[in-house]
Protein backbone atom coordinates (compact mmCIF):
# COMPACT_ATOMS: atom_id res chain seq x y z
CA MET A 1 -15.25 -8.07 -9.93
CA ARG A 2 -12.00 -10.00 -9.36
CA LEU A 3 -10.81 -9.53 -12.97
CA PHE A 4 -10.13 -5.86 -12.31
CA ASP A 5 -8.64 -6.12 -8.81
CA VAL A 6 -5.19 -4.65 -8.37
CA ASN A 7 -3.23 -7.12 -6.27
CA ILE A 8 0.55 -7.24 -5.84
CA GLU A 9 0.71 -9.96 -3.19
CA ASN A 10 2.76 -12.97 -4.28
CA LYS A 11 3.61 -11.36 -7.63
CA THR A 12 7.01 -10.64 -9.10
CA ALA A 13 8.00 -8.01 -11.62
CA ALA A 14 8.71 -10.78 -14.16
CA GLN A 15 5.15 -12.14 -13.83
CA LEU A 16 3.73 -8.67 -14.37
CA ARG A 17 5.93 -8.07 -17.43
CA VAL A 18 4.76 -11.38 -18.96
CA LYS A 19 1.14 -10.44 -18.25
CA LEU A 20 1.69 -7.03 -19.87
CA PHE A 21 3.41 -8.57 -22.92
CA VAL A 22 0.64 -11.15 -23.44
CA SER A 23 -2.08 -8.48 -23.21
CA ILE A 24 -0.34 -6.14 -25.65
CA PHE A 25 0.46 -9.00 -28.04
CA THR A 26 -3.20 -10.12 -27.98
CA ILE A 27 -4.40 -6.56 -28.72
CA ILE A 28 -2.02 -6.29 -31.66
CA THR A 29 -3.09 -9.72 -32.95
CA VAL A 30 -6.81 -8.88 -32.77
CA VAL A 31 -6.31 -5.53 -34.50
CA PHE A 32 -4.07 -7.11 -37.13
CA VAL A 33 -6.53 -9.93 -37.89
CA ARG A 34 -9.56 -7.69 -38.02
CA CYS A 35 -8.24 -4.53 -39.66
CA VAL A 36 -5.10 -5.37 -41.60
CA ILE A 37 -6.08 -8.75 -42.99
CA GLY A 38 -9.66 -7.55 -43.24
CA ILE A 39 -11.47 -10.72 -42.33
CA GLY A 40 -15.10 -9.97 -42.88
CA PHE A 41 -18.29 -11.86 -43.46
CA GLU A 42 -20.89 -11.58 -46.16
CA ASN A 43 -23.60 -11.29 -43.54
CA LYS A 44 -23.46 -7.68 -42.26
CA LYS A 45 -25.15 -8.54 -38.96
CA LEU A 46 -22.65 -11.30 -38.22
CA ASP A 47 -19.79 -8.99 -39.25
CA LEU A 48 -21.13 -6.25 -36.92
CA LEU A 49 -21.55 -8.72 -34.05
CA ILE A 50 -17.99 -10.03 -34.41
CA GLY A 51 -16.72 -6.44 -34.64
CA ILE A 52 -18.49 -5.54 -31.38
CA VAL A 53 -17.16 -8.66 -29.62
CA LEU A 54 -13.60 -7.97 -30.78
CA GLY A 55 -13.99 -4.32 -29.74
CA LEU A 56 -15.02 -5.47 -26.24
CA VAL A 57 -12.08 -7.87 -26.12
CA ILE A 58 -9.72 -5.02 -27.02
CA LEU A 59 -11.32 -2.78 -24.37
CA PHE A 60 -10.93 -5.53 -21.77
CA LEU A 61 -7.28 -6.03 -22.74
CA VAL A 62 -6.55 -2.28 -22.63
CA LEU A 63 -7.97 -2.21 -19.08
CA LYS A 64 -5.78 -5.21 -18.17
CA VAL A 65 -2.73 -3.39 -19.56
CA TYR A 66 -3.60 -0.32 -17.49
CA LEU A 67 -4.13 -2.39 -14.32
CA THR A 68 -0.92 -4.34 -14.93
CA ILE A 69 1.02 -1.08 -15.21
CA CYS A 70 -0.60 0.06 -11.93
CA GLU A 71 0.42 -3.22 -10.29
CA MET A 72 3.98 -2.76 -11.56
CA ILE A 73 4.12 0.73 -10.06
CA LEU A 74 2.67 -0.47 -6.74
CA LEU A 75 5.09 -3.41 -6.62
CA SER A 76 8.01 -1.07 -7.31
CA GLU A 77 6.89 1.30 -4.52
CA ALA A 78 6.36 -1.61 -2.10
CA ASN A 79 9.86 -2.92 -2.87
CA LYS A 80 11.35 0.56 -2.34
CA MET A 81 9.59 0.87 1.03
CA LYS A 82 10.78 -2.60 2.02
CA GLU A 83 14.37 -1.68 1.09
CA LYS A 84 14.09 1.62 3.00
CA LYS A 85 12.83 -0.23 6.06
CA GLU A 86 15.72 -2.69 5.86
CA ILE A 87 18.35 0.03 5.31
CA ARG A 88 16.95 2.27 8.05
CA SER A 89 16.68 -0.61 10.48
CA LEU A 90 20.28 -1.72 10.11
CA ASP A 91 21.66 1.32 11.88
CA LYS A 92 18.80 2.12 14.24
CA GLN A 93 19.15 1.52 17.91
CA ILE A 94 16.11 -0.15 19.37
CA ASN A 95 14.58 1.45 22.46
CA LEU A 96 12.22 -0.38 24.75
CA ILE A 97 9.27 1.90 25.41
CA PRO A 98 6.32 1.08 27.68
CA LEU A 99 3.16 -0.03 25.89
CA LYS A 100 1.16 2.63 27.74
CA THR A 101 3.45 5.40 26.39
CA VAL A 102 3.07 4.25 22.77
CA PHE A 103 -0.68 3.89 23.26
CA ASP A 104 -0.98 7.39 24.77
CA TYR A 105 0.94 8.95 21.88
CA LEU A 106 -1.25 7.18 19.31
CA ILE A 107 -4.46 8.25 21.06
CA ASN A 108 -3.41 11.83 21.83
CA ASN A 109 -1.84 12.66 18.44
CA ASP A 110 -3.88 12.83 15.25
CA ILE A 111 -0.87 12.03 13.07
CA ILE A 112 2.09 9.99 14.35
CA GLN A 113 3.96 6.87 13.32
CA PHE A 114 6.07 4.31 15.12
CA MET A 115 8.52 1.93 13.45
CA ILE A 116 8.77 -1.07 15.76
CA HIS A 117 10.76 -4.28 15.75
CA TYR A 118 9.03 -7.50 16.76
CA LYS A 119 10.22 -11.07 16.26
CA GLY A 120 12.79 -10.17 13.62
CA GLU A 121 10.42 -8.01 11.55
CA TYR A 122 9.81 -4.29 11.33
CA HIS A 123 6.26 -2.91 11.51
CA LEU A 124 4.88 0.56 10.91
CA ILE A 125 2.14 1.59 13.36
CA GLU A 126 0.35 4.83 12.50
CA SER A 127 -2.33 7.19 13.64
CA THR A 128 -3.68 9.27 10.73
CA ALA A 129 -6.49 11.75 10.13
CA ASP A 130 -8.01 13.72 7.26
CA SER A 131 -8.60 17.43 6.87
CA ARG A 132 -10.54 19.67 4.53
CA ALA A 133 -8.94 22.26 2.30
CA SER A 134 -8.33 25.58 4.08
CA SER A 135 -9.08 24.04 7.47
CA SER A 136 -6.65 22.88 10.11
CA ALA A 137 -9.30 20.77 11.85
CA LEU A 138 -8.66 17.04 11.56
CA PHE A 139 -11.32 14.35 11.41
CA ASP A 140 -11.80 10.66 10.62
CA LYS A 141 -8.91 9.42 12.78
CA ARG A 142 -7.66 5.96 11.80
CA TYR A 143 -5.05 3.54 13.01
CA SER A 144 -3.02 1.25 10.77
CA ILE A 145 -0.35 -1.38 11.02
CA ASP A 146 1.92 -1.91 8.01
CA GLN A 147 -0.42 0.32 5.96
CA LYS A 148 -3.44 -1.90 6.69
CA ILE A 149 -6.19 0.18 8.28
CA LEU A 150 -7.71 -1.28 11.43
CA GLU A 151 -11.44 -1.37 10.73
CA GLY A 152 -14.41 -1.30 13.09
CA ASP A 153 -14.33 -1.14 16.86
CA VAL A 154 -10.76 -2.30 17.26
CA ASN A 155 -9.18 -1.96 20.69
CA ILE A 156 -5.86 -0.40 19.71
CA TYR A 157 -4.35 -1.21 23.12
CA GLU A 158 -5.00 -4.94 22.59
CA VAL A 159 -3.59 -4.76 19.07
CA LEU A 160 -0.43 -3.05 20.35
CA SER A 161 -0.04 -5.62 23.12
CA GLN A 162 0.49 -8.28 20.41
CA TYR A 163 3.78 -6.52 19.55
CA THR A 164 5.16 -6.32 23.09
CA GLU A 165 7.68 -8.20 25.15
CA ASN A 166 5.83 -9.53 28.21
CA ASN A 167 2.86 -7.21 27.44
CA LYS A 168 4.80 -4.26 28.82
CA LEU A 169 7.50 -2.97 26.46
CA ILE A 170 7.61 -2.33 22.71
CA ASN A 171 10.86 -2.30 20.71
CA VAL A 172 10.65 1.11 19.00
CA CYS A 173 13.17 2.03 16.25
CA GLU A 174 11.69 5.35 15.11
CA ILE A 175 8.96 7.79 16.02
CA ASP A 176 7.96 10.04 13.12
CA GLY A 177 11.14 9.09 11.29
CA ILE A 178 13.61 9.91 14.05
CA ALA A 179 15.21 7.93 16.86
CA PRO A 180 13.02 7.69 19.98
CA ASP A 181 15.62 9.40 22.20
CA GLU A 182 15.77 12.39 19.85
CA PHE A 183 11.97 12.45 19.54
CA PHE A 184 11.50 12.64 23.32
CA LYS A 185 14.22 15.33 23.59
CA GLN A 186 12.41 17.43 20.98
CA ARG A 187 9.11 16.95 22.80
CA SER A 188 10.58 17.95 26.13
CA ARG A 189 12.15 21.07 24.57
CA ALA A 190 8.78 22.02 23.06
CA VAL A 191 7.15 21.69 26.48
CA ASP A 192 9.86 23.87 28.08
CA TYR A 193 8.95 26.86 25.85
């Protein structure tokens, strides 16, 4: 049901605050009219029916308040991530890495992330997996771009090629939160042991 969807796209904090204020004000108004003023009807059945309807309205509004607060939290987190991306990207050197290398790392690692730069924007490409408690075995491997999971039989190589220069090189800013040069140095040291 669309009424209870949590959606932060194209919303500002001011819009969410107004939505929250209107919902809370309506709850207070309904409670005030029904309980404080004590509007009632002579007919007990009609009075009961109106009480039930107003109770459902209050329940609906309480759910809207809860969802609006969730949207505010999600919007705040999304803005923080956007700011982090912008701050991190200002001082990051971009390294051109072959598409095949990025693809191989995504396929061969259960959990890894690449921050890439393409056409003036930064994108987060991830490989993730789940695990059960007290087990190191990973399962349900997924790929995502900008936190949107790629569903179905998606060819990850073709998806990656959309973010390349001449279908060969990807502008990589970070791999697992560190500069690509440092990441490859750490990997080569781990192989040397």
